[in-house]
Every structure is written in structure tokens, then in C-alpha cells.
């Protein structure tokens, strides 16, 4: 009998996109965002969410632990099934 094992992704996939360009695309451990009603973090297996973003910093923790920060003026985020898309307007 043949047994097929599923491969499970250990991280989330994030894209940060502006009108001008794609700022970030890759696997991450954590994303902290400046939500309209307060900042919040997204970790692996977060419940599906759509939210508006206010002016502030997006903190990205990459799979190797390295941190990156992006200043935004506003935006929208959608997170489902460990895939996160941020559409942002830059400061």
C-alpha cells in the first residue's frame, strides 16, 4: 500500500504591494500591522481576516529571524490560509 505524506508549510507567505511596486514577497514567521483600531500581529494559522490599516510601520519577521520595517500611510490586509496580502499606500 502506498502512503502519501502531506508536506506542511511551517511559515506564512506575505506580499506587500503598492501602486508602484511589490515591496516584499516571501515566507515569514510574523507580521505586525498598524490596524485602524490598533496594531495587531498575524502568526501562522491565524483566523481569516480583512482589515483596514492606518499610518504606521509594518514589521516583518522573516523565517531566519531577520526583521524588516515598512512605513505606510494607509492600506488593506487580507489573510487566509497562511497567505497574507497587504495593499499599501506609502508615506
C-alpha atoms as a PDB file:
ATOM      1  CA  UNK A   1       0.000   0.000   0.000  1.00  0.00           C
ATOM      2  CA  UNK A   2       1.254   3.467  -0.894  1.00  0.00           C
ATOM      3  CA  UNK A   3       1.188   6.108   1.856  1.00  0.00           C
ATOM      4  CA  UNK A   4       1.413   9.702   0.773  1.00  0.00           C
ATOM      5  CA  UNK A   5       2.587  12.219   3.346  1.00  0.00           C
ATOM      6  CA  UNK A   6       1.435  15.813   3.130  1.00  0.00           C
ATOM      7  CA  UNK A   7       4.081  18.465   3.371  1.00  0.00           C
ATOM      8  CA  UNK A   8       3.060  21.248   5.710  1.00  0.00           C
ATOM      9  CA  UNK A   9       4.418  24.731   5.288  1.00  0.00           C
ATOM     10  CA  UNK A  10       5.993  25.890   8.535  1.00  0.00           C
ATOM     11  CA  UNK A  11       5.542  29.584   7.750  1.00  0.00           C
ATOM     12  CA  UNK A  12       3.215  32.082   6.097  1.00  0.00           C
ATOM     13  CA  UNK A  13       3.566  33.721   2.695  1.00  0.00           C
ATOM     14  CA  UNK A  14       3.421  37.539   2.665  1.00  0.00           C
ATOM     15  CA  UNK A  15       3.164  40.067  -0.142  1.00  0.00           C
ATOM     16  CA  UNK A  16       3.281  43.819   0.447  1.00  0.00           C
ATOM     17  CA  UNK A  17       2.189  45.626  -2.692  1.00  0.00           C
ATOM     18  CA  UNK A  18       1.964  49.331  -3.582  1.00  0.00           C
ATOM     19  CA  UNK A  19       0.818  51.032  -6.748  1.00  0.00           C
ATOM     20  CA  UNK A  20       4.441  51.479  -7.777  1.00  0.00           C
ATOM     21  CA  UNK A  21       5.940  48.095  -6.915  1.00  0.00           C
ATOM     22  CA  UNK A  22       5.972  44.957  -4.805  1.00  0.00           C
ATOM     23  CA  UNK A  23       7.875  45.803  -1.610  1.00  0.00           C
ATOM     24  CA  UNK A  24       8.084  42.304  -0.156  1.00  0.00           C
ATOM     25  CA  UNK A  25       7.281  38.765  -1.229  1.00  0.00           C
ATOM     26  CA  UNK A  26       8.299  35.721   0.764  1.00  0.00           C
ATOM     27  CA  UNK A  27       7.882  33.399   3.722  1.00  0.00           C
ATOM     28  CA  UNK A  28       7.573  34.978   7.167  1.00  0.00           C
ATOM     29  CA  UNK A  29       7.106  33.964  10.808  1.00  0.00           C
ATOM     30  CA  UNK A  30       5.209  37.061  11.955  1.00  0.00           C
ATOM     31  CA  UNK A  31       3.690  40.281  10.641  1.00  0.00           C
ATOM     32  CA  UNK A  32       2.747  43.228  12.874  1.00  0.00           C
ATOM     33  CA  UNK A  33       0.411  45.768  11.312  1.00  0.00           C
ATOM     34  CA  UNK A  34      -0.965  49.238  12.197  1.00  0.00           C
ATOM     35  CA  UNK A  35      -4.688  48.435  12.145  1.00  0.00           C
ATOM     36  CA  UNK A  36      -7.294  51.203  12.087  1.00  0.00           C
ATOM     37  CA  UNK A  37      -8.459  50.154  15.559  1.00  0.00           C
ATOM     38  CA  UNK A  38      -4.990  49.376  16.931  1.00  0.00           C
ATOM     39  CA  UNK A  39      -1.950  47.368  15.957  1.00  0.00           C
ATOM     40  CA  UNK A  40      -2.173  43.592  15.637  1.00  0.00           C
ATOM     41  CA  UNK A  41       0.034  40.628  14.776  1.00  0.00           C
ATOM     42  CA  UNK A  42      -0.552  37.702  12.482  1.00  0.00           C
ATOM     43  CA  UNK A  43       1.073  34.358  13.182  1.00  0.00           C
ATOM     44  CA  UNK A  44       0.782  31.001  11.419  1.00  0.00           C
ATOM     45  CA  UNK A  45      -2.779  29.603  11.268  1.00  0.00           C
ATOM     46  CA  UNK A  46      -4.386  32.948  12.144  1.00  0.00           C
ATOM     47  CA  UNK A  47      -8.132  33.131  11.532  1.00  0.00           C
ATOM     48  CA  UNK A  48      -9.092  34.656   8.197  1.00  0.00           C
ATOM     49  CA  UNK A  49      -9.156  38.445   8.410  1.00  0.00           C
ATOM     50  CA  UNK A  50      -9.694  41.520   6.261  1.00  0.00           C
ATOM     51  CA  UNK A  51      -8.817  44.852   7.868  1.00  0.00           C
ATOM     52  CA  UNK A  52      -8.002  48.441   7.054  1.00  0.00           C
ATOM     53  CA  UNK A  53      -4.623  49.873   8.022  1.00  0.00           C
ATOM     54  CA  UNK A  54      -3.664  53.336   9.253  1.00  0.00           C
ATOM     55  CA  UNK A  55      -0.418  55.258   9.062  1.00  0.00           C
ATOM     56  CA  UNK A  56       2.381  53.391  10.791  1.00  0.00           C
ATOM     57  CA  UNK A  57       5.025  50.696  10.418  1.00  0.00           C
ATOM     58  CA  UNK A  58       4.609  47.152   9.177  1.00  0.00           C
ATOM     59  CA  UNK A  59       7.015  44.831  10.979  1.00  0.00           C
ATOM     60  CA  UNK A  60       8.005  41.673   9.112  1.00  0.00           C
ATOM     61  CA  UNK A  61       9.887  38.853  10.840  1.00  0.00           C
ATOM     62  CA  UNK A  62      11.391  36.633   8.166  1.00  0.00           C
ATOM     63  CA  UNK A  63      11.935  32.897   8.588  1.00  0.00           C
ATOM     64  CA  UNK A  64      15.592  33.437   9.558  1.00  0.00           C
ATOM     65  CA  UNK A  65      14.557  35.877  12.314  1.00  0.00           C
ATOM     66  CA  UNK A  66      15.670  38.974  10.408  1.00  0.00           C
ATOM     67  CA  UNK A  67      13.280  41.923  10.816  1.00  0.00           C
ATOM     68  CA  UNK A  68      12.233  44.444   8.172  1.00  0.00           C
ATOM     69  CA  UNK A  69      10.060  47.546   8.603  1.00  0.00           C
ATOM     70  CA  UNK A  70       7.911  49.384   6.066  1.00  0.00           C
ATOM     71  CA  UNK A  71       6.311  52.811   6.651  1.00  0.00           C
ATOM     72  CA  UNK A  72       2.803  53.113   5.212  1.00  0.00           C
ATOM     73  CA  UNK A  73       0.199  55.892   5.018  1.00  0.00           C
ATOM     74  CA  UNK A  74      -2.782  53.510   4.812  1.00  0.00           C
ATOM     75  CA  UNK A  75      -3.791  50.185   3.373  1.00  0.00           C
ATOM     76  CA  UNK A  76      -5.808  46.997   3.462  1.00  0.00           C
ATOM     77  CA  UNK A  77      -4.825  43.486   4.544  1.00  0.00           C
ATOM     78  CA  UNK A  78      -6.317  40.102   3.742  1.00  0.00           C
ATOM     79  CA  UNK A  79      -5.055  36.942   5.443  1.00  0.00           C
ATOM     80  CA  UNK A  80      -6.394  33.467   4.646  1.00  0.00           C
ATOM     81  CA  UNK A  81      -4.828  30.010   4.868  1.00  0.00           C
ATOM     82  CA  UNK A  82      -1.390  31.388   5.839  1.00  0.00           C
ATOM     83  CA  UNK A  83      -1.328  33.704   2.814  1.00  0.00           C
ATOM     84  CA  UNK A  84      -1.205  37.419   3.584  1.00  0.00           C
ATOM     85  CA  UNK A  85      -1.651  40.226   1.079  1.00  0.00           C
ATOM     86  CA  UNK A  86      -1.137  43.860   2.069  1.00  0.00           C
ATOM     87  CA  UNK A  87      -2.137  46.588  -0.373  1.00  0.00           C
ATOM     88  CA  UNK A  88      -0.461  49.738   0.932  1.00  0.00           C
ATOM     89  CA  UNK A  89      -0.064  53.396   0.160  1.00  0.00           C
ATOM     90  CA  UNK A  90       3.394  54.611   1.063  1.00  0.00           C
ATOM     91  CA  UNK A  91       4.138  57.666   3.213  1.00  0.00           C
END
